[in-house]
Amino acid sequence: MTRSPLDTALAQFAAYRVGDVRAARILLDDDMTFTSPQDDHLDKAGFLQSCFPTATGFLRQEITTAVELGPGEVLLRYTAQRPDSPPFSNVEIITVVDGRITEIRVYFGGVEH
């Protein structure tokens, strides 16, 4: 049974939150790219090494919106908070092809009010 693109994106987010690299490797395509204002087109290995371990630095991180924008394209919006910082909101656009994530684009947001 193949997961929907939304279920795949949510499973990857859940794997990130608990640091489950094994689960993430299965969900991420070998040719995936990760882009954010701090990272420009990291490959799978770069993402797993540089970005994936950052989840432990959050006090909280909660998805507030999770929708499929179109075939294979998912939007996740979440609020997060690091120690000694106000809460903020980010958006991720995740592309899923044949049950595997091929691209994650992160857009940093501002402080939540």
PDB file of N, CA and C in Angstrom:
ATOM      1  N   MET A   1       0.839  -1.185   0.000  1.00  0.00           N
ATOM      2  CA  MET A   1       0.000   0.000   0.000  1.00  0.00           C
ATOM      3  C   MET A   1       0.884   1.249   0.000  1.00  0.00           C
ATOM      4  N   THR A   2       0.682   2.118  -0.981  1.00  0.00           N
ATOM      5  CA  THR A   2       1.453   3.339  -1.101  1.00  0.00           C
ATOM      6  C   THR A   2       0.805   4.450  -0.277  1.00  0.00           C
ATOM      7  N   ARG A   3       1.638   5.212   0.405  1.00  0.00           N
ATOM      8  CA  ARG A   3       1.137   6.349   1.180  1.00  0.00           C
ATOM      9  C   ARG A   3       0.763   7.483   0.232  1.00  0.00           C
ATOM     10  N   SER A   4      -0.156   8.309   0.662  1.00  0.00           N
ATOM     11  CA  SER A   4      -0.455   9.524  -0.087  1.00  0.00           C
ATOM     12  C   SER A   4       0.714  10.492   0.084  1.00  0.00           C
ATOM     13  N   PRO A   5       0.852  11.473  -0.811  1.00  0.00           N
ATOM     14  CA  PRO A   5       1.905  12.474  -0.618  1.00  0.00           C
ATOM     15  C   PRO A   5       1.806  13.169   0.748  1.00  0.00           C
ATOM     16  N   LEU A   6       0.583  13.460   1.184  1.00  0.00           N
ATOM     17  CA  LEU A   6       0.420  14.094   2.496  1.00  0.00           C
ATOM     18  C   LEU A   6       0.911  13.176   3.610  1.00  0.00           C
ATOM     19  N   ASP A   7       0.540  11.913   3.565  1.00  0.00           N
ATOM     20  CA  ASP A   7       0.995  10.963   4.587  1.00  0.00           C
ATOM     21  C   ASP A   7       2.516  10.813   4.570  1.00  0.00           C
ATOM     22  N   THR A   8       3.118  10.834   3.385  1.00  0.00           N
ATOM     23  CA  THR A   8       4.575  10.738   3.270  1.00  0.00           C
ATOM     24  C   THR A   8       5.241  11.947   3.914  1.00  0.00           C
ATOM     25  N   ALA A   9       4.736  13.137   3.621  1.00  0.00           N
ATOM     26  CA  ALA A   9       5.300  14.359   4.204  1.00  0.00           C
ATOM     27  C   ALA A   9       5.156  14.358   5.725  1.00  0.00           C
ATOM     28  N   LEU A  10       3.996  13.950   6.216  1.00  0.00           N
ATOM     29  CA  LEU A  10       3.782  13.898   7.665  1.00  0.00           C
ATOM     30  C   LEU A  10       4.674  12.844   8.324  1.00  0.00           C
ATOM     31  N   ALA A  11       4.891  11.732   7.663  1.00  0.00           N
ATOM     32  CA  ALA A  11       5.771  10.697   8.205  1.00  0.00           C
ATOM     33  C   ALA A  11       7.210  11.196   8.278  1.00  0.00           C
ATOM     34  N   GLN A  12       7.639  11.950   7.280  1.00  0.00           N
ATOM     35  CA  GLN A  12       9.000  12.497   7.304  1.00  0.00           C
ATOM     36  C   GLN A  12       9.131  13.515   8.430  1.00  0.00           C
ATOM     37  N   PHE A  13       8.125  14.358   8.613  1.00  0.00           N
ATOM     38  CA  PHE A  13       8.156  15.347   9.694  1.00  0.00           C
ATOM     39  C   PHE A  13       8.222  14.638  11.042  1.00  0.00           C
ATOM     40  N   ALA A  14       7.452  13.575  11.202  1.00  0.00           N
ATOM     41  CA  ALA A  14       7.460  12.803  12.451  1.00  0.00           C
ATOM     42  C   ALA A  14       8.828  12.148  12.668  1.00  0.00           C
ATOM     43  N   ALA A  15       9.436  11.623  11.606  1.00  0.00           N
ATOM     44  CA  ALA A  15      10.770  11.019  11.728  1.00  0.00           C
ATOM     45  C   ALA A  15      11.787  12.072  12.145  1.00  0.00           C
ATOM     46  N   TYR A  16      11.684  13.256  11.571  1.00  0.00           N
ATOM     47  CA  TYR A  16      12.567  14.371  11.938  1.00  0.00           C
ATOM     48  C   TYR A  16      12.416  14.707  13.417  1.00  0.00           C
ATOM     49  N   ARG A  17      11.184  14.828  13.860  1.00  0.00           N
ATOM     50  CA  ARG A  17      10.933  15.238  15.250  1.00  0.00           C
ATOM     51  C   ARG A  17      11.560  14.290  16.269  1.00  0.00           C
ATOM     52  N   VAL A  18      11.619  13.016  15.969  1.00  0.00           N
ATOM     53  CA  VAL A  18      12.186  12.051  16.924  1.00  0.00           C
ATOM     54  C   VAL A  18      13.602  11.610  16.536  1.00  0.00           C
ATOM     55  N   GLY A  19      14.147  12.167  15.455  1.00  0.00           N
ATOM     56  CA  GLY A  19      15.507  11.835  15.046  1.00  0.00           C
ATOM     57  C   GLY A  19      15.662  10.445  14.467  1.00  0.00           C
ATOM     58  N   ASP A  20      14.623   9.938  13.819  1.00  0.00           N
ATOM     59  CA  ASP A  20      14.653   8.591  13.253  1.00  0.00           C
ATOM     60  C   ASP A  20      15.234   8.640  11.833  1.00  0.00           C
ATOM     61  N   VAL A  21      16.553   8.591  11.747  1.00  0.00           N
ATOM     62  CA  VAL A  21      17.239   8.684  10.460  1.00  0.00           C
ATOM     63  C   VAL A  21      16.883   7.503   9.564  1.00  0.00           C
ATOM     64  N   ARG A  22      16.723   6.330  10.146  1.00  0.00           N
ATOM     65  CA  ARG A  22      16.379   5.144   9.351  1.00  0.00           C
ATOM     66  C   ARG A  22      15.050   5.347   8.613  1.00  0.00           C
ATOM     67  N   ALA A  23      14.053   5.829   9.329  1.00  0.00           N
ATOM     68  CA  ALA A  23      12.750   6.082   8.706  1.00  0.00           C
ATOM     69  C   ALA A  23      12.863   7.174   7.642  1.00  0.00           C
ATOM     70  N   ALA A  24      13.632   8.209   7.928  1.00  0.00           N
ATOM     71  CA  ALA A  24      13.792   9.304   6.965  1.00  0.00           C
ATOM     72  C   ALA A  24      14.457   8.818   5.684  1.00  0.00           C
ATOM     73  N   ARG A  25      15.484   7.996   5.807  1.00  0.00           N
ATOM     74  CA  ARG A  25      16.183   7.488   4.616  1.00  0.00           C
ATOM     75  C   ARG A  25      15.216   6.766   3.676  1.00  0.00           C
ATOM     76  N   ILE A  26      14.272   6.049   4.233  1.00  0.00           N
ATOM     77  CA  ILE A  26      13.297   5.307   3.430  1.00  0.00           C
ATOM     78  C   ILE A  26      12.351   6.273   2.705  1.00  0.00           C
ATOM     79  N   LEU A  27      11.998   7.374   3.360  1.00  0.00           N
ATOM     80  CA  LEU A  27      11.037   8.323   2.803  1.00  0.00           C
ATOM     81  C   LEU A  27      11.653   9.287   1.795  1.00  0.00           C
ATOM     82  N   LEU A  28      12.962   9.506   1.894  1.00  0.00           N
ATOM     83  CA  LEU A  28      13.640  10.472   1.039  1.00  0.00           C
ATOM     84  C   LEU A  28      14.226   9.788  -0.191  1.00  0.00           C
ATOM     85  N   ASP A  29      13.937  10.340  -1.357  1.00  0.00           N
ATOM     86  CA  ASP A  29      14.514   9.835  -2.592  1.00  0.00           C
ATOM     87  C   ASP A  29      16.032  10.059  -2.570  1.00  0.00           C
ATOM     88  N   ASP A  30      16.779   9.193  -3.217  1.00  0.00           N
ATOM     89  CA  ASP A  30      18.233   9.337  -3.242  1.00  0.00           C
ATOM     90  C   ASP A  30      18.676  10.644  -3.891  1.00  0.00           C
ATOM     91  N   ASP A  31      17.869  11.180  -4.793  1.00  0.00           N
ATOM     92  CA  ASP A  31      18.207  12.426  -5.488  1.00  0.00           C
ATOM     93  C   ASP A  31      17.478  13.642  -4.920  1.00  0.00           C
ATOM     94  N   MET A  32      16.952  13.540  -3.705  1.00  0.00           N
ATOM     95  CA  MET A  32      16.200  14.655  -3.125  1.00  0.00           C
ATOM     96  C   MET A  32      17.104  15.865  -2.881  1.00  0.00           C
ATOM     97  N   THR A  33      16.463  17.042  -2.855  1.00  0.00           N
ATOM     98  CA  THR A  33      17.170  18.272  -2.497  1.00  0.00           C
ATOM     99  C   THR A  33      16.404  18.982  -1.402  1.00  0.00           C
ATOM    100  N   PHE A  34      17.155  19.713  -0.572  1.00  0.00           N
ATOM    101  CA  PHE A  34      16.595  20.490   0.525  1.00  0.00           C
ATOM    102  C   PHE A  34      17.109  21.914   0.382  1.00  0.00           C
ATOM    103  N   THR A  35      16.178  22.861   0.375  1.00  0.00           N
ATOM    104  CA  THR A  35      16.539  24.269   0.250  1.00  0.00           C
ATOM    105  C   THR A  35      15.811  25.072   1.317  1.00  0.00           C
ATOM    106  N   SER A  36      16.547  25.994   1.946  1.00  0.00           N
ATOM    107  CA  SER A  36      15.970  26.929   2.909  1.00  0.00           C
ATOM    108  C   SER A  36      16.750  28.234   2.785  1.00  0.00           C
ATOM    109  N   PRO A  37      16.348  29.277   3.513  1.00  0.00           N
ATOM    110  CA  PRO A  37      17.144  30.506   3.470  1.00  0.00           C
ATOM    111  C   PRO A  37      18.593  30.308   3.942  1.00  0.00           C
ATOM    112  N   GLN A  38      18.865  29.218   4.661  1.00  0.00           N
ATOM    113  CA  GLN A  38      20.227  28.956   5.139  1.00  0.00           C
ATOM    114  C   GLN A  38      20.954  27.889   4.322  1.00  0.00           C
ATOM    115  N   ASP A  39      20.239  27.132   3.530  1.00  0.00           N
ATOM    116  CA  ASP A  39      20.818  25.998   2.807  1.00  0.00           C
ATOM    117  C   ASP A  39      20.333  26.020   1.359  1.00  0.00           C
ATOM    118  N   ASP A  40      21.269  25.916   0.423  1.00  0.00           N
ATOM    119  CA  ASP A  40      20.894  25.976  -0.981  1.00  0.00           C
ATOM    120  C   ASP A  40      21.091  24.621  -1.642  1.00  0.00           C
ATOM    121  N   HIS A  41      20.007  23.917  -1.874  1.00  0.00           N
ATOM    122  CA  HIS A  41      19.997  22.639  -2.583  1.00  0.00           C
ATOM    123  C   HIS A  41      20.951  21.608  -1.984  1.00  0.00           C
ATOM    124  N   LEU A  42      20.780  21.334  -0.697  1.00  0.00           N
ATOM    125  CA  LEU A  42      21.522  20.242  -0.080  1.00  0.00           C
ATOM    126  C   LEU A  42      21.026  18.924  -0.653  1.00  0.00           C
ATOM    127  N   ASP A  43      21.922  17.976  -0.830  1.00  0.00           N
ATOM    128  CA  ASP A  43      21.497  16.651  -1.256  1.00  0.00           C
ATOM    129  C   ASP A  43      21.035  15.861  -0.031  1.00  0.00           C
ATOM    130  N   LYS A  44      20.624  14.638  -0.246  1.00  0.00           N
ATOM    131  CA  LYS A  44      20.092  13.803   0.833  1.00  0.00           C
ATOM    132  C   LYS A  44      21.103  13.660   1.976  1.00  0.00           C
ATOM    133  N   ALA A  45      22.338  13.351   1.645  1.00  0.00           N
ATOM    134  CA  ALA A  45      23.367  13.190   2.680  1.00  0.00           C
ATOM    135  C   ALA A  45      23.589  14.490   3.442  1.00  0.00           C
ATOM    136  N   GLY A  46      23.636  15.605   2.731  1.00  0.00           N
ATOM    137  CA  GLY A  46      23.819  16.906   3.381  1.00  0.00           C
ATOM    138  C   GLY A  46      22.661  17.254   4.297  1.00  0.00           C
ATOM    139  N   PHE A  47      21.439  16.975   3.843  1.00  0.00           N
ATOM    140  CA  PHE A  47      20.258  17.221   4.670  1.00  0.00           C
ATOM    141  C   PHE A  47      20.295  16.383   5.937  1.00  0.00           C
ATOM    142  N   LEU A  48      20.584  15.091   5.785  1.00  0.00           N
ATOM    143  CA  LEU A  48      20.592  14.210   6.959  1.00  0.00           C
ATOM    144  C   LEU A  48      21.710  14.571   7.924  1.00  0.00           C
ATOM    145  N   GLN A  49      22.808  15.095   7.411  1.00  0.00           N
ATOM    146  CA  GLN A  49      23.921  15.468   8.277  1.00  0.00           C
ATOM    147  C   GLN A  49      23.736  16.840   8.914  1.00  0.00           C
ATOM    148  N   SER A  50      23.291  17.832   8.141  1.00  0.00           N
ATOM    149  CA  SER A  50      23.241  19.210   8.622  1.00  0.00           C
ATOM    150  C   SER A  50      21.921  19.610   9.263  1.00  0.00           C
ATOM    151  N   CYS A  51      20.820  19.207   8.665  1.00  0.00           N
ATOM    152  CA  CYS A  51      19.517  19.710   9.085  1.00  0.00           C
ATOM    153  C   CYS A  51      18.747  18.737   9.962  1.00  0.00           C
ATOM    154  N   PHE A  52      18.824  17.486   9.642  1.00  0.00           N
ATOM    155  CA  PHE A  52      17.996  16.501  10.334  1.00  0.00           C
ATOM    156  C   PHE A  52      18.211  16.492  11.845  1.00  0.00           C
ATOM    157  N   PRO A  53      19.449  16.623  12.339  1.00  0.00           N
ATOM    158  CA  PRO A  53      19.652  16.579  13.799  1.00  0.00           C
ATOM    159  C   PRO A  53      19.171  17.822  14.553  1.00  0.00           C
ATOM    160  N   THR A  54      18.693  18.861  13.862  1.00  0.00           N
ATOM    161  CA  THR A  54      18.332  20.099  14.554  1.00  0.00           C
ATOM    162  C   THR A  54      17.042  20.007  15.356  1.00  0.00           C
ATOM    163  N   ALA A  55      16.264  18.973  15.190  1.00  0.00           N
ATOM    164  CA  ALA A  55      14.969  18.861  15.882  1.00  0.00           C
ATOM    165  C   ALA A  55      15.118  18.889  17.394  1.00  0.00           C
ATOM    166  N   THR A  56      16.218  18.378  17.910  1.00  0.00           N
ATOM    167  CA  THR A  56      16.399  18.334  19.367  1.00  0.00           C
ATOM    168  C   THR A  56      16.558  19.725  19.966  1.00  0.00           C
ATOM    169  N   GLY A  57      16.795  20.734  19.141  1.00  0.00           N
ATOM    170  CA  GLY A  57      16.961  22.094  19.634  1.00  0.00           C
ATOM    171  C   GLY A  57      15.664  22.862  19.827  1.00  0.00           C
ATOM    172  N   PHE A  58      14.525  22.235  19.556  1.00  0.00           N
ATOM    173  CA  PHE A  58      13.238  22.911  19.693  1.00  0.00           C
ATOM    174  C   PHE A  58      12.552  22.542  20.999  1.00  0.00           C
ATOM    175  N   LEU A  59      11.958  23.531  21.648  1.00  0.00           N
ATOM    176  CA  LEU A  59      11.095  23.258  22.799  1.00  0.00           C
ATOM    177  C   LEU A  59       9.803  22.612  22.318  1.00  0.00           C
ATOM    178  N   ARG A  60       9.324  23.115  21.177  1.00  0.00           N
ATOM    179  CA  ARG A  60       8.109  22.572  20.578  1.00  0.00           C
ATOM    180  C   ARG A  60       8.146  22.836  19.084  1.00  0.00           C
ATOM    181  N   GLN A  61       7.410  22.031  18.366  1.00  0.00           N
ATOM    182  CA  GLN A  61       7.276  22.183  16.921  1.00  0.00           C
ATOM    183  C   GLN A  61       5.991  21.455  16.538  1.00  0.00           C
ATOM    184  N   GLU A  62       4.988  22.220  16.131  1.00  0.00           N
ATOM    185  CA  GLU A  62       3.659  21.658  15.896  1.00  0.00           C
ATOM    186  C   GLU A  62       3.125  22.070  14.529  1.00  0.00           C
ATOM    187  N   ILE A  63       2.652  21.106  13.778  1.00  0.00           N
ATOM    188  CA  ILE A  63       2.046  21.385  12.476  1.00  0.00           C
ATOM    189  C   ILE A  63       0.695  22.051  12.690  1.00  0.00           C
ATOM    190  N   THR A  64       0.482  23.179  12.008  1.00  0.00           N
ATOM    191  CA  THR A  64      -0.799  23.889  12.092  1.00  0.00           C
ATOM    192  C   THR A  64      -1.611  23.759  10.808  1.00  0.00           C
ATOM    193  N   THR A  65      -0.928  23.502   9.692  1.00  0.00           N
ATOM    194  CA  THR A  65      -1.602  23.311   8.409  1.00  0.00           C
ATOM    195  C   THR A  65      -0.871  22.217   7.645  1.00  0.00           C
ATOM    196  N   ALA A  66      -1.627  21.290   7.080  1.00  0.00           N
ATOM    197  CA  ALA A  66      -1.061  20.225   6.257  1.00  0.00           C
ATOM    198  C   ALA A  66      -2.052  19.953   5.137  1.00  0.00           C
ATOM    199  N   VAL A  67      -1.688  20.370   3.913  1.00  0.00           N
ATOM    200  CA  VAL A  67      -2.601  20.215   2.779  1.00  0.00           C
ATOM    201  C   VAL A  67      -1.839  19.820   1.524  1.00  0.00           C
ATOM    202  N   GLU A  68      -2.518  19.068   0.668  1.00  0.00           N
ATOM    203  CA  GLU A  68      -1.970  18.776  -0.650  1.00  0.00           C
ATOM    204  C   GLU A  68      -2.362  19.928  -1.559  1.00  0.00           C
ATOM    205  N   LEU A  69      -1.358  20.557  -2.160  1.00  0.00           N
ATOM    206  CA  LEU A  69      -1.597  21.691  -3.049  1.00  0.00           C
ATOM    207  C   LEU A  69      -1.998  21.238  -4.444  1.00  0.00           C
ATOM    208  N   GLY A  70      -1.513  20.091  -4.803  1.00  0.00           N
ATOM    209  CA  GLY A  70      -1.766  19.523  -6.124  1.00  0.00           C
ATOM    210  C   GLY A  70      -1.133  18.151  -6.152  1.00  0.00           C
ATOM    211  N   PRO A  71      -1.130  17.505  -7.281  1.00  0.00           N
ATOM    212  CA  PRO A  71      -0.553  16.162  -7.352  1.00  0.00           C
ATOM    213  C   PRO A  71       0.914  16.150  -6.903  1.00  0.00           C
ATOM    214  N   GLY A  72       1.176  15.437  -5.818  1.00  0.00           N
ATOM    215  CA  GLY A  72       2.539  15.278  -5.334  1.00  0.00           C
ATOM    216  C   GLY A  72       3.154  16.470  -4.652  1.00  0.00           C
ATOM    217  N   GLU A  73       2.375  17.498  -4.368  1.00  0.00           N
ATOM    218  CA  GLU A  73       2.924  18.695  -3.719  1.00  0.00           C
ATOM    219  C   GLU A  73       2.150  18.978  -2.433  1.00  0.00           C
ATOM    220  N   VAL A  74       2.895  19.055  -1.321  1.00  0.00           N
ATOM    221  CA  VAL A  74       2.305  19.201   0.007  1.00  0.00           C
ATOM    222  C   VAL A  74       2.834  20.471   0.664  1.00  0.00           C
ATOM    223  N   LEU A  75       1.955  21.181   1.344  1.00  0.00           N
ATOM    224  CA  LEU A  75       2.336  22.333   2.143  1.00  0.00           C
ATOM    225  C   LEU A  75       2.169  21.981   3.614  1.00  0.00           C
ATOM    226  N   LEU A  76       3.229  22.169   4.380  1.00  0.00           N
ATOM    227  CA  LEU A  76       3.164  22.058   5.835  1.00  0.00           C
ATOM    228  C   LEU A  76       3.507  23.414   6.420  1.00  0.00           C
ATOM    229  N   ARG A  77       2.671  23.902   7.305  1.00  0.00           N
ATOM    230  CA  ARG A  77       2.968  25.111   8.075  1.00  0.00           C
ATOM    231  C   ARG A  77       3.054  24.669   9.516  1.00  0.00           C
ATOM    232  N   TYR A  78       4.067  25.149  10.217  1.00  0.00           N
ATOM    233  CA  TYR A  78       4.213  24.753  11.613  1.00  0.00           C
ATOM    234  C   TYR A  78       4.721  25.913  12.442  1.00  0.00           C
ATOM    235  N   THR A  79       4.384  25.869  13.712  1.00  0.00           N
ATOM    236  CA  THR A  79       4.935  26.800  14.679  1.00  0.00           C
ATOM    237  C   THR A  79       6.000  26.050  15.457  1.00  0.00           C
ATOM    238  N   ALA A  80       6.998  26.793  15.872  1.00  0.00           N
ATOM    239  CA  ALA A  80       8.103  26.189  16.596  1.00  0.00           C
ATOM    240  C   ALA A  80       8.651  27.199  17.589  1.00  0.00           C
ATOM    241  N   GLN A  81       9.413  26.683  18.527  1.00  0.00           N
ATOM    242  CA  GLN A  81      10.049  27.563  19.501  1.00  0.00           C
ATOM    243  C   GLN A  81      11.341  26.914  19.973  1.00  0.00           C
ATOM    244  N   ARG A  82      12.382  27.735  19.989  1.00  0.00           N
ATOM    245  CA  ARG A  82      13.672  27.313  20.530  1.00  0.00           C
ATOM    246  C   ARG A  82      13.810  27.906  21.932  1.00  0.00           C
ATOM    247  N   PRO A  83      14.660  27.336  22.769  1.00  0.00           N
ATOM    248  CA  PRO A  83      14.861  27.907  24.111  1.00  0.00           C
ATOM    249  C   PRO A  83      15.267  29.379  24.019  1.00  0.00           C
ATOM    250  N   ASP A  84      14.731  30.180  24.898  1.00  0.00           N
ATOM    251  CA  ASP A  84      15.066  31.608  24.981  1.00  0.00           C
ATOM    252  C   ASP A  84      14.742  32.397  23.717  1.00  0.00           C
ATOM    253  N   SER A  85      13.756  31.934  22.934  1.00  0.00           N
ATOM    254  CA  SER A  85      13.331  32.643  21.728  1.00  0.00           C
ATOM    255  C   SER A  85      11.813  32.623  21.656  1.00  0.00           C
ATOM    256  N   PRO A  86      11.232  33.644  21.022  1.00  0.00           N
ATOM    257  CA  PRO A  86       9.777  33.614  20.849  1.00  0.00           C
ATOM    258  C   PRO A  86       9.375  32.576  19.812  1.00  0.00           C
ATOM    259  N   PRO A  87       8.124  32.138  19.832  1.00  0.00           N
ATOM    260  CA  PRO A  87       7.648  31.195  18.819  1.00  0.00           C
ATOM    261  C   PRO A  87       7.679  31.820  17.418  1.00  0.00           C
ATOM    262  N   PHE A  88       7.841  30.991  16.418  1.00  0.00           N
ATOM    263  CA  PHE A  88       7.848  31.453  15.029  1.00  0.00           C
ATOM    264  C   PHE A  88       7.115  30.426  14.171  1.00  0.00           C
ATOM    265  N   SER A  89       6.911  30.783  12.919  1.00  0.00           N
ATOM    266  CA  SER A  89       6.189  29.910  12.001  1.00  0.00           C
ATOM    267  C   SER A  89       6.998  29.743  10.721  1.00  0.00           C
ATOM    268  N   ASN A  90       7.068  28.511  10.211  1.00  0.00           N
ATOM    269  CA  ASN A  90       7.718  28.216   8.935  1.00  0.00           C
ATOM    270  C   ASN A  90       6.736  27.487   8.029  1.00  0.00           C
ATOM    271  N   VAL A  91       7.044  27.502   6.742  1.00  0.00           N
ATOM    272  CA  VAL A  91       6.277  26.752   5.753  1.00  0.00           C
ATOM    273  C   VAL A  91       7.247  25.871   4.986  1.00  0.00           C
ATOM    274  N   GLU A  92       6.830  24.641   4.709  1.00  0.00           N
ATOM    275  CA  GLU A  92       7.597  23.740   3.861  1.00  0.00           C
ATOM    276  C   GLU A  92       6.712  23.320   2.692  1.00  0.00           C
ATOM    277  N   ILE A  93       7.283  23.347   1.500  1.00  0.00           N
ATOM    278  CA  ILE A  93       6.636  22.793   0.323  1.00  0.00           C
ATOM    279  C   ILE A  93       7.423  21.518   0.006  1.00  0.00           C
ATOM    280  N   ILE A  94       6.734  20.393   0.018  1.00  0.00           N
ATOM    281  CA  ILE A  94       7.374  19.093  -0.133  1.00  0.00           C
ATOM    282  C   ILE A  94       6.832  18.421  -1.394  1.00  0.00           C
ATOM    283  N   THR A  95       7.742  17.988  -2.244  1.00  0.00           N
ATOM    284  CA  THR A  95       7.364  17.292  -3.468  1.00  0.00           C
ATOM    285  C   THR A  95       7.578  15.796  -3.260  1.00  0.00           C
ATOM    286  N   VAL A  96       6.544  15.014  -3.587  1.00  0.00           N
ATOM    287  CA  VAL A  96       6.581  13.568  -3.422  1.00  0.00           C
ATOM    288  C   VAL A  96       6.303  12.912  -4.777  1.00  0.00           C
ATOM    289  N   VAL A  97       7.196  12.005  -5.175  1.00  0.00           N
ATOM    290  CA  VAL A  97       7.043  11.271  -6.431  1.00  0.00           C
ATOM    291  C   VAL A  97       7.160   9.782  -6.107  1.00  0.00           C
ATOM    292  N   ASP A  98       6.159   9.032  -6.507  1.00  0.00           N
ATOM    293  CA  ASP A  98       6.160   7.584  -6.285  1.00  0.00           C
ATOM    294  C   ASP A  98       6.438   7.216  -4.823  1.00  0.00           C
ATOM    295  N   GLY A  99       5.842   7.973  -3.904  1.00  0.00           N
ATOM    296  CA  GLY A  99       5.937   7.661  -2.481  1.00  0.00           C
ATOM    297  C   GLY A  99       7.210   8.102  -1.789  1.00  0.00           C
ATOM    298  N   ARG A 100       8.075   8.836  -2.512  1.00  0.00           N
ATOM    299  CA  ARG A 100       9.330   9.294  -1.904  1.00  0.00           C
ATOM    300  C   ARG A 100       9.478  10.804  -2.102  1.00  0.00           C
ATOM    301  N   ILE A 101      10.055  11.450  -1.106  1.00  0.00           N
ATOM    302  CA  ILE A 101      10.237  12.902  -1.147  1.00  0.00           C
ATOM    303  C   ILE A 101      11.418  13.241  -2.046  1.00  0.00           C
ATOM    304  N   THR A 102      11.157  14.073  -3.060  1.00  0.00           N
ATOM    305  CA  THR A 102      12.203  14.476  -3.990  1.00  0.00           C
ATOM    306  C   THR A 102      12.720  15.886  -3.726  1.00  0.00           C
ATOM    307  N   GLU A 103      11.909  16.683  -3.016  1.00  0.00           N
ATOM    308  CA  GLU A 103      12.329  18.057  -2.738  1.00  0.00           C
ATOM    309  C   GLU A 103      11.605  18.578  -1.497  1.00  0.00           C
ATOM    310  N   ILE A 104      12.368  19.307  -0.681  1.00  0.00           N
ATOM    311  CA  ILE A 104      11.805  20.048   0.453  1.00  0.00           C
ATOM    312  C   ILE A 104      12.311  21.477   0.331  1.00  0.00           C
ATOM    313  N   ARG A 105      11.372  22.419   0.282  1.00  0.00           N
ATOM    314  CA  ARG A 105      11.709  23.846   0.255  1.00  0.00           C
ATOM    315  C   ARG A 105      11.118  24.484   1.504  1.00  0.00           C
ATOM    316  N   VAL A 106      11.957  25.104   2.312  1.00  0.00           N
ATOM    317  CA  VAL A 106      11.530  25.707   3.578  1.00  0.00           C
ATOM    318  C   VAL A 106      11.562  27.225   3.439  1.00  0.00           C
ATOM    319  N   TYR A 107      10.516  27.864   3.923  1.00  0.00           N
ATOM    320  CA  TYR A 107      10.412  29.305   3.952  1.00  0.00           C
ATOM    321  C   TYR A 107      10.252  29.727   5.393  1.00  0.00           C
ATOM    322  N   PHE A 108      11.208  30.504   5.919  1.00  0.00           N
ATOM    323  CA  PHE A 108      11.167  30.913   7.312  1.00  0.00           C
ATOM    324  C   PHE A 108      10.134  32.019   7.506  1.00  0.00           C
ATOM    325  N   GLY A 109       9.417  31.932   8.605  1.00  0.00           N
ATOM    326  CA  GLY A 109       8.407  32.928   8.937  1.00  0.00           C
ATOM    327  C   GLY A 109       8.831  33.799  10.093  1.00  0.00           C
ATOM    328  N   GLY A 110       7.921  34.632  10.485  1.00  0.00           N
ATOM    329  CA  GLY A 110       8.199  35.552  11.564  1.00  0.00           C
ATOM    330  C   GLY A 110       7.728  35.045  12.912  1.00  0.00           C
ATOM    331  N   VAL A 111       7.791  35.915  13.868  1.00  0.00           N
ATOM    332  CA  VAL A 111       7.391  35.628  15.232  1.00  0.00           C
ATOM    333  C   VAL A 111       5.877  35.493  15.291  1.00  0.00           C
ATOM    334  N   GLU A 112       5.405  34.483  15.989  1.00  0.00           N
ATOM    335  CA  GLU A 112       3.973  34.301  16.199  1.00  0.00           C
ATOM    336  C   GLU A 112       3.483  35.295  17.246  1.00  0.00           C
ATOM    337  N   HIS A 113       2.331  35.876  17.001  1.00  0.00           N
ATOM    338  CA  HIS A 113       1.739  36.819  17.976  1.00  0.00           C
ATOM    339  C   HIS A 113       0.481  36.237  18.551  1.00  0.00           C
TER     340      HIS A 113
END
